[in-house]
């Protein structure tokens, strides 16, 4: 029997690891090469210290990251535990003295993986990559000023993380619902060396299907603003005392069916006025600079 042909046709259950660099689009050509060298030093040294044989690891270069799969004969607990500790410590060493520290997002999932002459494929691969690239992973890495964020699938958390083990602390993970291309999933977030992260109450937006990863660093900056901007709307409008948008549809406590429903996204001050009669000149808005000064 042609065992190579059988291997190509059959899927193997393996741990898939997707590693992405933070804001890779902001690096110039020289710095990007150095960034890539740091990523490989961090990962390869971790495999050595965790005693994971090189022939048990499939590794593909992704330009600003690495896609890996680890053979089923290697205990997943070793990768989630000792290997992640080593990755974190190696990354901290690499970042000492750097004005712009390297940040990594790591997605993990176990599932069927198919190998061919060009690399690996399968839904397990897609999910691991989606987790690492999720807007919430990006936000947490920035908001917590962390070097590393790990995102695991629900099944990996339930089957392995929840039972604990050496260097694995289930209480240091937080769950969140993510809207991915394939649908809504539950993911678990962990910042090595820290307590369970606080998940923002505002759900992250679904990633754009046509968005390239970290193009010019714009997406990371925008994602980091999304949560703070949404939370700041009430404050900008004056808090709880600000009128509700739907108030414009009500007259004397009754709904006006003919009044259009409005929806606003606000990044500053806003006021809404409807059905008012003014008996004298009225100024609405903020007077800034020289505009409010009286001439003598």
Protein backbone atom coordinates (compact mmCIF):
# COMPACT_ATOMS: atom_id res chain seq x y z
CA UNK A 1 0.00 0.00 0.00
CA UNK A 2 1.19 3.50 -0.79
CA UNK A 3 1.35 4.96 2.71
CA UNK A 4 2.16 8.45 1.40
CA UNK A 5 -1.03 8.43 -0.69
CA UNK A 6 -3.02 7.22 2.31
CA UNK A 7 -1.59 10.03 4.43
CA UNK A 8 -2.61 12.62 1.86
CA UNK A 9 -6.15 11.30 1.73
CA UNK A 10 -6.66 10.92 5.47
CA UNK A 11 -6.81 13.60 8.12
CA UNK A 12 -4.78 13.40 11.30
CA UNK A 13 -5.96 14.88 14.58
CA UNK A 14 -3.32 17.44 15.51
CA UNK A 15 -2.91 20.59 17.54
CA UNK A 16 -2.97 23.59 15.20
CA UNK A 17 -1.21 26.76 16.34
CA UNK A 18 -1.50 30.07 14.50
CA UNK A 19 0.98 32.80 15.52
CA UNK A 20 0.53 36.39 14.28
CA UNK A 21 2.60 39.48 14.99
CA UNK A 22 0.93 42.65 16.23
CA UNK A 23 0.75 45.53 13.73
CA UNK A 24 3.10 43.89 11.28
CA UNK A 25 2.11 46.41 8.61
CA UNK A 26 3.86 49.18 10.54
CA UNK A 27 7.30 47.58 10.17
CA UNK A 28 9.55 48.70 7.32
CA UNK A 29 11.41 46.09 5.28
CA UNK A 30 14.48 46.03 7.51
CA UNK A 31 12.55 45.87 10.78
CA UNK A 32 10.16 43.26 9.41
CA UNK A 33 13.08 40.91 8.74
CA UNK A 34 14.27 41.38 12.32
CA UNK A 35 10.72 40.82 13.58
CA UNK A 36 10.53 37.51 11.70
CA UNK A 37 13.88 36.39 13.12
CA UNK A 38 12.64 37.15 16.65
CA UNK A 39 9.45 35.14 16.13
CA UNK A 40 11.37 32.07 15.00
CA UNK A 41 13.89 32.36 17.85
CA UNK A 42 11.04 32.58 20.35
CA UNK A 43 9.13 29.58 18.98
CA UNK A 44 12.06 27.29 18.24
CA UNK A 45 13.70 27.86 21.62
CA UNK A 46 10.37 27.06 23.28
CA UNK A 47 10.11 23.75 21.40
CA UNK A 48 13.64 22.88 22.51
CA UNK A 49 12.99 23.62 26.19
CA UNK A 50 9.63 21.82 26.10
CA UNK A 51 11.40 18.78 24.57
CA UNK A 52 9.17 18.68 21.51
CA UNK A 53 11.05 16.92 18.70
CA UNK A 54 11.39 18.94 15.50
CA UNK A 55 10.03 16.07 13.39
CA UNK A 56 6.78 16.28 15.37
CA UNK A 57 6.20 19.88 14.28
CA UNK A 58 5.02 21.10 10.88
CA UNK A 59 5.87 24.78 10.35
CA UNK A 60 4.76 27.16 7.60
CA UNK A 61 5.94 30.73 7.18
CA UNK A 62 3.17 33.34 6.90
CA UNK A 63 5.25 36.47 6.40
CA UNK A 64 4.14 38.18 9.61
CA UNK A 65 3.64 34.96 11.55
CA UNK A 66 3.87 31.19 11.57
CA UNK A 67 1.34 28.39 11.13
CA UNK A 68 2.15 25.18 12.97
CA UNK A 69 0.67 21.76 13.59
CA UNK A 70 1.96 19.33 16.21
CA UNK A 71 1.66 15.57 15.81
CA UNK A 72 -0.86 13.77 18.00
CA UNK A 73 1.87 11.80 19.77
CA UNK A 74 2.86 14.98 21.64
CA UNK A 75 0.66 15.71 24.65
CA UNK A 76 -1.40 18.84 24.12
CA UNK A 77 -0.90 19.70 27.80
CA UNK A 78 2.80 20.16 27.11
CA UNK A 79 2.07 22.77 24.45
CA UNK A 80 -0.57 24.58 26.49
CA UNK A 81 1.58 24.44 29.60
CA UNK A 82 5.37 24.38 29.40
CA UNK A 83 5.65 25.44 25.77
CA UNK A 84 3.45 28.52 26.28
CA UNK A 85 5.46 29.48 29.38
CA UNK A 86 8.66 29.26 27.35
CA UNK A 87 7.20 31.27 24.48
CA UNK A 88 6.16 34.00 26.89
CA UNK A 89 9.51 34.14 28.67
CA UNK A 90 11.48 34.07 25.41
CA UNK A 91 9.32 36.87 24.05
CA UNK A 92 9.93 38.98 27.14
CA UNK A 93 13.67 38.49 26.69
CA UNK A 94 13.47 39.52 23.04
CA UNK A 95 11.50 42.65 23.95
CA UNK A 96 13.97 43.96 26.52
CA UNK A 97 15.41 47.20 25.22
CA UNK A 98 13.10 47.42 22.20
CA UNK A 99 11.34 50.76 21.75
CA UNK A 100 8.52 48.91 19.95
CA UNK A 101 8.05 45.52 21.65
CA UNK A 102 6.98 42.53 19.61
CA UNK A 103 3.45 41.36 20.42
CA UNK A 104 2.10 37.95 19.45
CA UNK A 105 -1.43 36.59 19.10
CA UNK A 106 -1.64 32.79 19.33
CA UNK A 107 -4.69 30.76 18.33
CA UNK A 108 -5.00 27.04 19.20
CA UNK A 109 -7.41 24.29 18.23
CA UNK A 110 -7.29 20.50 17.93
CA UNK A 111 -8.95 18.86 14.96
CA UNK A 112 -8.48 16.93 11.72
CA UNK A 113 -5.64 18.26 9.59
CA UNK A 114 -4.72 17.26 6.05
CA UNK A 115 -1.12 17.48 4.82
CA UNK A 116 0.02 17.82 1.23
CA UNK A 117 3.09 19.01 -0.58
CA UNK A 118 2.15 22.65 -0.03
CA UNK A 119 1.25 22.57 3.65
CA UNK A 120 -1.79 21.88 5.83
CA UNK A 121 -5.51 22.54 5.43
CA UNK A 122 -8.86 21.86 7.06
CA UNK A 123 -11.46 23.52 9.25
CA UNK A 124 -9.22 23.07 12.29
CA UNK A 125 -6.58 25.17 10.55
CA UNK A 126 -9.12 27.83 9.60
CA UNK A 127 -10.45 28.09 13.14
CA UNK A 128 -7.02 28.43 14.76
CA UNK A 129 -6.18 31.24 12.32
CA UNK A 130 -9.53 32.98 12.89
CA UNK A 131 -9.02 32.91 16.67
CA UNK A 132 -5.55 34.46 16.48
CA UNK A 133 -6.79 37.12 14.06
CA UNK A 134 -9.99 37.99 15.95
CA UNK A 135 -10.63 41.67 16.74
CA UNK A 136 -10.98 40.85 20.43
CA UNK A 137 -7.52 39.23 20.53
CA UNK A 138 -6.12 42.40 18.99
CA UNK A 139 -7.96 44.61 21.48
CA UNK A 140 -6.82 42.66 24.51
CA UNK A 141 -3.19 42.70 23.41
CA UNK A 142 -3.30 46.49 23.10
CA UNK A 143 -5.59 47.30 26.02
CA UNK A 144 -3.60 45.15 28.47
CA UNK A 145 -0.23 46.23 27.02
CA UNK A 146 0.69 42.57 26.94
CA UNK A 147 3.39 40.72 25.02
CA UNK A 148 1.22 37.72 24.26
CA UNK A 149 -2.42 36.66 24.11
CA UNK A 150 -3.51 33.04 23.73
CA UNK A 151 -6.94 32.20 22.29
CA UNK A 152 -8.21 28.62 22.44
CA UNK A 153 -11.31 27.05 20.97
CA UNK A 154 -14.20 25.97 23.18
CA UNK A 155 -13.49 22.27 22.61
CA UNK A 156 -9.80 22.66 23.47
CA UNK A 157 -10.70 24.48 26.66
CA UNK A 158 -13.26 21.87 27.69
CA UNK A 159 -11.14 18.84 26.78
CA UNK A 160 -7.76 20.01 28.07
CA UNK A 161 -7.57 23.42 29.76
CA UNK A 162 -10.50 22.91 32.15
CA UNK A 163 -8.77 19.90 33.74
CA UNK A 164 -5.69 21.95 34.55
CA UNK A 165 -2.19 20.54 34.67
CA UNK A 166 1.40 21.70 34.92
CA UNK A 167 1.49 25.43 34.05
CA UNK A 168 -2.19 25.30 33.01
CA UNK A 169 -4.57 27.38 35.14
CA UNK A 170 -8.19 27.29 33.96
CA UNK A 171 -9.13 30.16 36.28
CA UNK A 172 -6.82 32.46 34.29
CA UNK A 173 -8.94 32.12 31.13
CA UNK A 174 -11.98 34.21 30.17
CA UNK A 175 -14.59 33.26 27.58
CA UNK A 176 -16.23 35.41 24.93
CA UNK A 177 -18.48 34.92 21.92
CA UNK A 178 -16.89 35.71 18.56
CA UNK A 179 -18.61 36.28 15.25
CA UNK A 180 -16.44 34.60 12.62
CA UNK A 181 -16.96 34.03 8.91
CA UNK A 182 -18.20 30.53 9.66
CA UNK A 183 -20.61 31.72 12.36
CA UNK A 184 -20.63 32.49 16.07
CA UNK A 185 -18.25 30.55 18.33
CA UNK A 186 -17.07 30.60 21.94
CA UNK A 187 -13.37 31.25 22.52
CA UNK A 188 -11.21 31.39 25.63
CA UNK A 189 -8.63 34.15 26.19
CA UNK A 190 -5.51 33.96 28.32
CA UNK A 191 -2.69 36.42 29.03
CA UNK A 192 0.27 34.34 30.32
CA UNK A 193 1.48 35.43 33.74
CA UNK A 194 -1.70 37.40 34.49
CA UNK A 195 -5.16 36.79 35.98
CA UNK A 196 -8.12 36.12 33.73
CA UNK A 197 -8.53 39.11 31.40
CA UNK A 198 -11.60 41.31 31.63
CA UNK A 199 -13.59 40.91 28.44
CA UNK A 200 -15.10 44.16 27.07
CA UNK A 201 -18.87 44.27 27.40
CA UNK A 202 -19.23 45.52 23.83
CA UNK A 203 -19.04 42.65 21.37
CA UNK A 204 -16.33 43.07 18.72
CA UNK A 205 -17.40 43.53 15.13
CA UNK A 206 -17.12 40.60 12.75
CA UNK A 207 -13.94 40.72 10.68
CA UNK A 208 -14.33 41.87 7.10
CA UNK A 209 -14.08 38.92 4.74
CA UNK A 210 -11.96 40.91 2.29
CA UNK A 211 -9.68 42.56 4.87
CA UNK A 212 -5.97 41.83 4.56
CA UNK A 213 -4.23 41.23 7.88
CA UNK A 214 -2.72 44.35 9.42
CA UNK A 215 -2.53 46.40 6.23
CA UNK A 216 -0.51 49.48 7.20
CA UNK A 217 -1.48 48.82 10.81
CA UNK A 218 -4.83 50.56 10.30
CA UNK A 219 -7.07 47.72 11.43
CA UNK A 220 -5.34 47.29 14.79
CA UNK A 221 -5.66 50.98 15.59
CA UNK A 222 -9.30 51.01 14.51
CA UNK A 223 -10.11 47.89 16.53
CA UNK A 224 -8.49 49.40 19.60
CA UNK A 225 -10.74 52.47 19.24
CA UNK A 226 -13.98 50.60 18.72
CA UNK A 227 -14.55 49.66 22.36
CA UNK A 228 -13.50 53.00 23.83
CA UNK A 229 -15.54 54.96 21.29
CA UNK A 230 -18.68 52.95 21.95
CA UNK A 231 -18.29 53.26 25.69
CA UNK A 232 -17.73 57.02 25.37
CA UNK A 233 -21.00 57.81 23.61
CA UNK A 234 -23.00 58.26 26.82
CA UNK A 235 -20.37 60.51 28.34
CA UNK A 236 -20.21 62.67 25.23
CA UNK A 237 -23.97 63.04 25.18
CA UNK A 238 -24.16 64.04 28.81
CA UNK A 239 -24.60 60.66 30.50
CA UNK A 240 -27.96 59.44 31.72
CA UNK A 241 -29.48 62.93 31.46
CA UNK A 242 -29.12 62.98 27.67
CA UNK A 243 -32.37 62.47 25.75
CA UNK A 244 -32.96 59.11 24.16
CA UNK A 245 -32.91 59.07 20.36
CA UNK A 246 -36.39 57.53 20.34
CA UNK A 247 -37.76 60.53 22.27
CA UNK A 248 -38.09 62.37 18.95
CA UNK A 249 -40.76 59.86 17.94
CA UNK A 250 -42.99 60.71 20.91
CA UNK A 251 -45.31 63.69 21.32
CA UNK A 252 -47.20 64.08 24.61
CA UNK A 253 -46.25 60.52 25.53
CA UNK A 254 -47.63 59.01 22.30
CA UNK A 255 -45.68 57.41 19.46
CA UNK A 256 -45.54 59.26 16.16
CA UNK A 257 -45.75 56.61 13.47
CA UNK A 258 -44.77 59.09 10.76
CA UNK A 259 -41.56 60.15 12.49
CA UNK A 260 -38.47 58.50 10.99
CA UNK A 261 -36.34 56.38 13.29
CA UNK A 262 -32.79 57.69 13.52
CA UNK A 263 -29.58 55.87 14.39
CA UNK A 264 -26.37 57.72 15.21
CA UNK A 265 -22.74 56.77 15.72
CA UNK A 266 -21.23 59.62 17.74
CA UNK A 267 -17.58 60.53 18.21
CA UNK A 268 -18.06 63.83 20.03
CA UNK A 269 -20.88 66.08 21.25
CA UNK A 270 -24.42 65.62 19.95
CA UNK A 271 -27.82 67.06 20.72
CA UNK A 272 -31.16 66.29 19.06
CA UNK A 273 -34.02 68.82 18.82
CA UNK A 274 -37.51 68.15 17.46
CA UNK A 275 -40.84 70.05 17.38
CA UNK A 276 -39.41 73.10 19.18
CA UNK A 277 -40.51 76.73 18.70
CA UNK A 278 -37.85 79.32 19.61
CA UNK A 279 -38.95 82.88 20.53
CA UNK A 280 -35.49 84.39 20.22
CA UNK A 281 -32.13 83.54 18.63
CA UNK A 282 -30.76 80.31 20.06
CA UNK A 283 -27.21 78.98 19.89
CA UNK A 284 -26.87 75.19 19.92
CA UNK A 285 -23.44 73.63 20.32
CA UNK A 286 -20.12 74.49 21.85
CA UNK A 287 -18.34 77.84 21.40
CA UNK A 288 -14.60 77.35 21.10
CA UNK A 289 -11.54 79.49 20.44
CA UNK A 290 -12.19 83.16 19.62
CA UNK A 291 -15.75 82.54 18.47
CA UNK A 292 -17.23 83.23 21.88
CA UNK A 293 -15.32 86.40 22.70
CA UNK A 294 -17.16 89.74 22.58
CA UNK A 295 -15.46 92.59 20.80
CA UNK A 296 -15.15 95.72 22.89
